[in-house]
Amino acid sequence: MSKSNEMIRVAAQKGYSFTKEGEIINPKGKIIKGTIIKSKTSLYKKFGINYRGMSRPILVHRFIAYKIWGESALEGECIIHLNRISLDNRPSNIAIGDYRHIYNEVKKSKPNLIRNTIK
């Protein structure tokens, strides 16, 4: 089991949840601000939980997918943002996908891979 998947499970067990806008709510009912990280082609939002005395990062879109679909989200090839905006973590914008889907989407928008804009 990957450390990332383990942390997603721990956060769910501790009572973290999310809003319909894709914000993370801690067990006390407060919205977590989180931080934005950059990968090669995209920006992603993450939040941290304390586990065994250390803060552990969790990608918001992966956590939301787990809360919606359970273990099948972690077993899928990847979690995708349907509108291709990686900072849009609304549950309605998150799906379990595969790399073929991503390849086909990128191929359609040839000039620039996936451009993300912060609105």
N, C-alpha and C. Protein backbone atom coordinates (compact mmCIF):
# COMPACT_ATOMS: atom_id res chain seq x y z
N MET A 1 0.85 -1.17 0.00
CA MET A 1 0.00 0.00 0.00
C MET A 1 0.90 1.24 0.00
N SER A 2 0.59 2.19 -0.90
CA SER A 2 1.41 3.39 -0.97
C SER A 2 1.13 4.28 0.24
N LYS A 3 2.11 5.09 0.61
CA LYS A 3 1.97 6.01 1.74
C LYS A 3 0.85 7.01 1.46
N SER A 4 0.74 7.45 0.22
CA SER A 4 -0.31 8.39 -0.17
C SER A 4 -1.70 7.79 0.07
N ASN A 5 -1.91 6.57 -0.39
CA ASN A 5 -3.20 5.91 -0.19
C ASN A 5 -3.48 5.66 1.29
N GLU A 6 -2.46 5.32 2.03
CA GLU A 6 -2.62 5.11 3.47
C GLU A 6 -3.08 6.41 4.15
N MET A 7 -2.50 7.54 3.77
CA MET A 7 -2.86 8.81 4.37
C MET A 7 -4.29 9.22 4.01
N ILE A 8 -4.71 8.90 2.79
CA ILE A 8 -6.09 9.17 2.38
C ILE A 8 -7.05 8.39 3.27
N ARG A 9 -6.75 7.13 3.50
CA ARG A 9 -7.59 6.30 4.37
C ARG A 9 -7.63 6.84 5.80
N VAL A 10 -6.46 7.25 6.31
CA VAL A 10 -6.37 7.79 7.67
C VAL A 10 -7.21 9.06 7.79
N ALA A 11 -7.11 9.95 6.81
CA ALA A 11 -7.88 11.20 6.85
C ALA A 11 -9.38 10.90 6.86
N ALA A 12 -9.81 9.94 6.08
CA ALA A 12 -11.23 9.57 6.06
C ALA A 12 -11.65 8.99 7.41
N GLN A 13 -10.81 8.16 8.00
CA GLN A 13 -11.12 7.56 9.30
C GLN A 13 -11.17 8.62 10.40
N LYS A 14 -10.32 9.64 10.29
CA LYS A 14 -10.30 10.71 11.29
C LYS A 14 -11.50 11.64 11.19
N GLY A 15 -12.25 11.55 10.08
CA GLY A 15 -13.45 12.36 9.95
C GLY A 15 -13.34 13.56 9.03
N TYR A 16 -12.31 13.62 8.20
CA TYR A 16 -12.22 14.70 7.22
C TYR A 16 -13.29 14.47 6.16
N SER A 17 -13.83 15.55 5.63
CA SER A 17 -14.84 15.45 4.58
C SER A 17 -14.64 16.60 3.60
N PHE A 18 -15.62 16.86 2.74
CA PHE A 18 -15.47 17.92 1.75
C PHE A 18 -16.81 18.59 1.47
N THR A 19 -16.74 19.77 0.88
CA THR A 19 -17.95 20.52 0.51
C THR A 19 -18.26 20.27 -0.96
N LYS A 20 -19.43 20.72 -1.39
CA LYS A 20 -19.79 20.57 -2.81
C LYS A 20 -18.92 21.44 -3.71
N GLU A 21 -18.21 22.42 -3.11
CA GLU A 21 -17.27 23.25 -3.88
C GLU A 21 -15.88 22.63 -3.95
N GLY A 22 -15.69 21.50 -3.28
CA GLY A 22 -14.40 20.82 -3.32
C GLY A 22 -13.41 21.29 -2.27
N GLU A 23 -13.90 21.92 -1.21
CA GLU A 23 -13.04 22.34 -0.10
C GLU A 23 -13.01 21.22 0.93
N ILE A 24 -11.88 21.07 1.62
CA ILE A 24 -11.74 20.04 2.64
C ILE A 24 -12.17 20.60 3.99
N ILE A 25 -12.92 19.77 4.73
CA ILE A 25 -13.39 20.13 6.06
C ILE A 25 -12.72 19.21 7.07
N ASN A 26 -12.12 19.81 8.11
CA ASN A 26 -11.47 18.98 9.13
C ASN A 26 -12.51 18.39 10.07
N PRO A 27 -12.12 17.47 10.95
CA PRO A 27 -13.08 16.82 11.85
C PRO A 27 -13.83 17.79 12.78
N LYS A 28 -13.29 18.99 12.98
CA LYS A 28 -13.96 20.00 13.83
C LYS A 28 -14.94 20.86 13.04
N GLY A 29 -15.07 20.59 11.72
CA GLY A 29 -16.02 21.32 10.90
C GLY A 29 -15.48 22.58 10.24
N LYS A 30 -14.20 22.81 10.32
CA LYS A 30 -13.58 24.00 9.72
C LYS A 30 -13.03 23.68 8.34
N ILE A 31 -13.17 24.62 7.41
CA ILE A 31 -12.60 24.46 6.07
C ILE A 31 -11.09 24.66 6.16
N ILE A 32 -10.35 23.76 5.56
CA ILE A 32 -8.89 23.82 5.54
C ILE A 32 -8.44 24.60 4.32
N LYS A 33 -7.53 25.53 4.52
CA LYS A 33 -7.04 26.33 3.39
C LYS A 33 -6.22 25.48 2.42
N GLY A 34 -5.31 24.68 2.91
CA GLY A 34 -4.47 23.87 2.04
C GLY A 34 -3.42 24.70 1.32
N THR A 35 -2.66 24.05 0.47
CA THR A 35 -1.64 24.72 -0.33
C THR A 35 -1.70 24.21 -1.76
N ILE A 36 -1.06 24.94 -2.64
CA ILE A 36 -1.02 24.55 -4.05
C ILE A 36 0.39 24.10 -4.38
N ILE A 37 0.48 22.96 -5.07
CA ILE A 37 1.78 22.45 -5.50
C ILE A 37 1.78 22.36 -7.02
N LYS A 38 2.96 22.39 -7.59
CA LYS A 38 3.08 22.33 -9.05
C LYS A 38 3.74 21.02 -9.45
N SER A 39 3.13 20.35 -10.44
CA SER A 39 3.76 19.18 -11.04
C SER A 39 4.34 19.65 -12.38
N LYS A 40 4.73 18.74 -13.23
CA LYS A 40 5.31 19.13 -14.53
C LYS A 40 4.35 19.97 -15.36
N THR A 41 3.07 19.59 -15.40
CA THR A 41 2.13 20.27 -16.29
C THR A 41 0.92 20.88 -15.60
N SER A 42 0.78 20.67 -14.29
CA SER A 42 -0.44 21.12 -13.61
C SER A 42 -0.17 21.63 -12.21
N LEU A 43 -1.17 22.31 -11.68
CA LEU A 43 -1.17 22.73 -10.29
C LEU A 43 -2.21 21.88 -9.57
N TYR A 44 -1.90 21.49 -8.34
CA TYR A 44 -2.83 20.69 -7.55
C TYR A 44 -2.92 21.26 -6.15
N LYS A 45 -4.09 21.10 -5.53
CA LYS A 45 -4.26 21.53 -4.16
C LYS A 45 -4.05 20.33 -3.25
N LYS A 46 -3.38 20.58 -2.11
CA LYS A 46 -3.16 19.52 -1.13
C LYS A 46 -3.45 20.07 0.26
N PHE A 47 -3.65 19.16 1.19
CA PHE A 47 -3.80 19.52 2.59
C PHE A 47 -3.00 18.52 3.40
N GLY A 48 -2.74 18.86 4.65
CA GLY A 48 -1.95 17.98 5.49
C GLY A 48 -2.73 17.50 6.69
N ILE A 49 -2.40 16.30 7.14
CA ILE A 49 -2.95 15.77 8.39
C ILE A 49 -1.78 15.35 9.27
N ASN A 50 -1.99 15.43 10.57
CA ASN A 50 -0.98 14.95 11.50
C ASN A 50 -1.15 13.45 11.68
N TYR A 51 -0.06 12.75 11.52
CA TYR A 51 -0.09 11.30 11.67
C TYR A 51 1.25 10.85 12.23
N ARG A 52 1.19 10.21 13.38
CA ARG A 52 2.39 9.73 14.07
C ARG A 52 3.43 10.84 14.26
N GLY A 53 2.92 12.00 14.66
CA GLY A 53 3.80 13.12 14.99
C GLY A 53 4.34 13.91 13.81
N MET A 54 3.87 13.60 12.61
CA MET A 54 4.35 14.32 11.42
C MET A 54 3.17 14.78 10.59
N SER A 55 3.37 15.87 9.86
CA SER A 55 2.34 16.33 8.93
C SER A 55 2.51 15.58 7.61
N ARG A 56 1.43 14.99 7.12
CA ARG A 56 1.48 14.20 5.89
C ARG A 56 0.59 14.85 4.83
N PRO A 57 1.09 15.01 3.59
CA PRO A 57 0.29 15.66 2.54
C PRO A 57 -0.69 14.71 1.86
N ILE A 58 -1.82 15.27 1.45
CA ILE A 58 -2.83 14.51 0.71
C ILE A 58 -3.35 15.39 -0.42
N LEU A 59 -3.39 14.88 -1.63
CA LEU A 59 -3.95 15.62 -2.75
C LEU A 59 -5.48 15.65 -2.62
N VAL A 60 -6.04 16.84 -2.73
CA VAL A 60 -7.48 17.03 -2.52
C VAL A 60 -8.31 16.19 -3.47
N HIS A 61 -7.98 16.20 -4.76
CA HIS A 61 -8.81 15.46 -5.72
C HIS A 61 -8.80 13.96 -5.45
N ARG A 62 -7.69 13.43 -4.98
CA ARG A 62 -7.62 12.00 -4.66
C ARG A 62 -8.44 11.67 -3.41
N PHE A 63 -8.41 12.57 -2.43
CA PHE A 63 -9.20 12.37 -1.21
C PHE A 63 -10.70 12.39 -1.53
N ILE A 64 -11.12 13.37 -2.33
CA ILE A 64 -12.53 13.47 -2.70
C ILE A 64 -12.97 12.22 -3.47
N ALA A 65 -12.15 11.76 -4.38
CA ALA A 65 -12.49 10.55 -5.13
C ALA A 65 -12.65 9.36 -4.18
N TYR A 66 -11.76 9.25 -3.20
CA TYR A 66 -11.86 8.15 -2.24
C TYR A 66 -13.15 8.24 -1.43
N LYS A 67 -13.51 9.45 -1.02
CA LYS A 67 -14.73 9.61 -0.23
C LYS A 67 -15.97 9.27 -1.07
N ILE A 68 -15.92 9.49 -2.37
CA ILE A 68 -17.06 9.19 -3.23
C ILE A 68 -17.11 7.70 -3.59
N TRP A 69 -16.00 7.15 -4.07
CA TRP A 69 -15.99 5.78 -4.62
C TRP A 69 -15.29 4.75 -3.75
N GLY A 70 -14.71 5.14 -2.66
CA GLY A 70 -14.05 4.19 -1.77
C GLY A 70 -12.79 3.60 -2.39
N GLU A 71 -12.53 2.36 -2.08
CA GLU A 71 -11.29 1.70 -2.50
C GLU A 71 -11.11 1.68 -4.02
N SER A 72 -12.18 1.64 -4.78
CA SER A 72 -12.04 1.59 -6.24
C SER A 72 -11.34 2.84 -6.78
N ALA A 73 -11.45 3.95 -6.06
CA ALA A 73 -10.74 5.17 -6.49
C ALA A 73 -9.23 4.98 -6.36
N LEU A 74 -8.81 4.27 -5.34
CA LEU A 74 -7.38 4.05 -5.13
C LEU A 74 -6.85 2.95 -6.04
N GLU A 75 -7.72 2.07 -6.49
CA GLU A 75 -7.32 0.99 -7.38
C GLU A 75 -7.31 1.40 -8.84
N GLY A 76 -8.02 2.49 -9.19
CA GLY A 76 -8.07 2.97 -10.56
C GLY A 76 -6.71 3.50 -11.01
N GLU A 77 -6.54 3.63 -12.31
CA GLU A 77 -5.27 4.12 -12.83
C GLU A 77 -4.98 5.54 -12.38
N CYS A 78 -5.99 6.41 -12.47
CA CYS A 78 -5.77 7.80 -12.08
C CYS A 78 -7.11 8.48 -11.80
N ILE A 79 -7.02 9.60 -11.13
CA ILE A 79 -8.19 10.44 -10.86
C ILE A 79 -8.09 11.61 -11.83
N ILE A 80 -9.18 11.92 -12.53
CA ILE A 80 -9.13 12.99 -13.52
C ILE A 80 -10.09 14.12 -13.15
N HIS A 81 -9.75 15.30 -13.63
CA HIS A 81 -10.62 16.47 -13.54
C HIS A 81 -11.31 16.57 -14.90
N LEU A 82 -12.62 16.43 -14.90
CA LEU A 82 -13.36 16.35 -16.16
C LEU A 82 -13.20 17.60 -17.03
N ASN A 83 -13.11 18.78 -16.40
CA ASN A 83 -12.97 20.01 -17.19
C ASN A 83 -11.50 20.36 -17.43
N ARG A 84 -10.59 19.47 -17.03
CA ARG A 84 -9.15 19.62 -17.22
C ARG A 84 -8.54 20.78 -16.43
N ILE A 85 -9.26 21.32 -15.46
CA ILE A 85 -8.71 22.35 -14.59
C ILE A 85 -8.38 21.66 -13.27
N SER A 86 -7.10 21.45 -13.03
CA SER A 86 -6.68 20.62 -11.91
C SER A 86 -6.92 21.25 -10.54
N LEU A 87 -7.24 22.52 -10.49
CA LEU A 87 -7.56 23.15 -9.20
C LEU A 87 -9.07 23.16 -8.93
N ASP A 88 -9.86 22.65 -9.86
CA ASP A 88 -11.30 22.57 -9.69
C ASP A 88 -11.64 21.20 -9.09
N ASN A 89 -11.74 21.17 -7.77
CA ASN A 89 -11.93 19.91 -7.06
C ASN A 89 -13.38 19.65 -6.65
N ARG A 90 -14.32 20.27 -7.33
CA ARG A 90 -15.73 19.98 -7.04
C ARG A 90 -15.97 18.49 -7.32
N PRO A 91 -16.73 17.83 -6.46
CA PRO A 91 -17.00 16.40 -6.67
C PRO A 91 -17.57 16.11 -8.06
N SER A 92 -18.36 17.00 -8.60
CA SER A 92 -18.94 16.78 -9.93
C SER A 92 -17.90 16.86 -11.04
N ASN A 93 -16.70 17.35 -10.73
CA ASN A 93 -15.63 17.48 -11.71
C ASN A 93 -14.58 16.37 -11.59
N ILE A 94 -14.74 15.48 -10.62
CA ILE A 94 -13.76 14.43 -10.35
C ILE A 94 -14.29 13.09 -10.87
N ALA A 95 -13.42 12.33 -11.51
CA ALA A 95 -13.81 11.00 -12.01
C ALA A 95 -12.60 10.06 -11.92
N ILE A 96 -12.90 8.78 -11.93
CA ILE A 96 -11.83 7.78 -12.02
C ILE A 96 -11.59 7.57 -13.51
N GLY A 97 -10.35 7.65 -13.91
CA GLY A 97 -10.05 7.51 -15.33
C GLY A 97 -8.87 6.59 -15.57
N ASP A 98 -8.42 6.60 -16.81
CA ASP A 98 -7.24 5.84 -17.16
C ASP A 98 -6.34 6.72 -18.02
N TYR A 99 -5.13 6.28 -18.19
CA TYR A 99 -4.17 7.10 -18.92
C TYR A 99 -4.52 7.25 -20.39
N ARG A 100 -5.25 6.32 -20.96
CA ARG A 100 -5.70 6.43 -22.35
C ARG A 100 -6.62 7.65 -22.48
N HIS A 101 -7.53 7.84 -21.52
CA HIS A 101 -8.43 9.00 -21.53
C HIS A 101 -7.62 10.31 -21.53
N ILE A 102 -6.64 10.37 -20.65
CA ILE A 102 -5.82 11.58 -20.55
C ILE A 102 -5.06 11.80 -21.85
N TYR A 103 -4.49 10.75 -22.40
CA TYR A 103 -3.76 10.86 -23.66
C TYR A 103 -4.67 11.41 -24.76
N ASN A 104 -5.88 10.88 -24.87
CA ASN A 104 -6.81 11.35 -25.90
C ASN A 104 -7.21 12.81 -25.69
N GLU A 105 -7.39 13.22 -24.44
CA GLU A 105 -7.74 14.60 -24.14
C GLU A 105 -6.60 15.54 -24.51
N VAL A 106 -5.39 15.16 -24.16
CA VAL A 106 -4.23 15.99 -24.48
C VAL A 106 -4.05 16.07 -25.99
N LYS A 107 -4.26 14.97 -26.67
CA LYS A 107 -4.12 14.92 -28.13
C LYS A 107 -5.10 15.90 -28.81
N LYS A 108 -6.33 16.01 -28.25
CA LYS A 108 -7.33 16.93 -28.79
C LYS A 108 -6.89 18.38 -28.67
N SER A 109 -6.19 18.70 -27.59
CA SER A 109 -5.79 20.09 -27.34
C SER A 109 -4.30 20.28 -27.60
N LYS A 110 -3.82 19.73 -28.69
CA LYS A 110 -2.40 19.66 -29.04
C LYS A 110 -1.53 20.87 -28.68
N PRO A 111 -1.87 22.09 -29.04
CA PRO A 111 -0.92 23.19 -28.90
C PRO A 111 -0.28 23.30 -27.52
N ASN A 112 -1.06 23.22 -26.49
CA ASN A 112 -0.53 23.32 -25.13
C ASN A 112 -1.13 22.18 -24.35
N LEU A 113 -0.30 21.42 -23.66
CA LEU A 113 -0.83 20.27 -22.93
C LEU A 113 -2.08 20.68 -22.17
N ILE A 114 -2.09 20.62 -20.91
CA ILE A 114 -3.28 21.03 -20.15
C ILE A 114 -2.92 22.31 -19.42
N ARG A 115 -3.53 23.39 -19.84
CA ARG A 115 -3.28 24.68 -19.20
C ARG A 115 -4.27 24.84 -18.06
N ASN A 116 -3.78 25.29 -16.93
CA ASN A 116 -4.65 25.50 -15.77
C ASN A 116 -4.71 26.99 -15.48
N THR A 117 -5.89 27.43 -15.17
CA THR A 117 -6.06 28.82 -14.79
C THR A 117 -6.71 28.87 -13.42
N ILE A 118 -6.27 29.79 -12.62
CA ILE A 118 -6.87 29.98 -11.32
C ILE A 118 -7.93 31.06 -11.49
N LYS A 119 -9.16 30.71 -11.16
CA LYS A 119 -10.26 31.67 -11.30
C LYS A 119 -10.58 32.31 -10.00
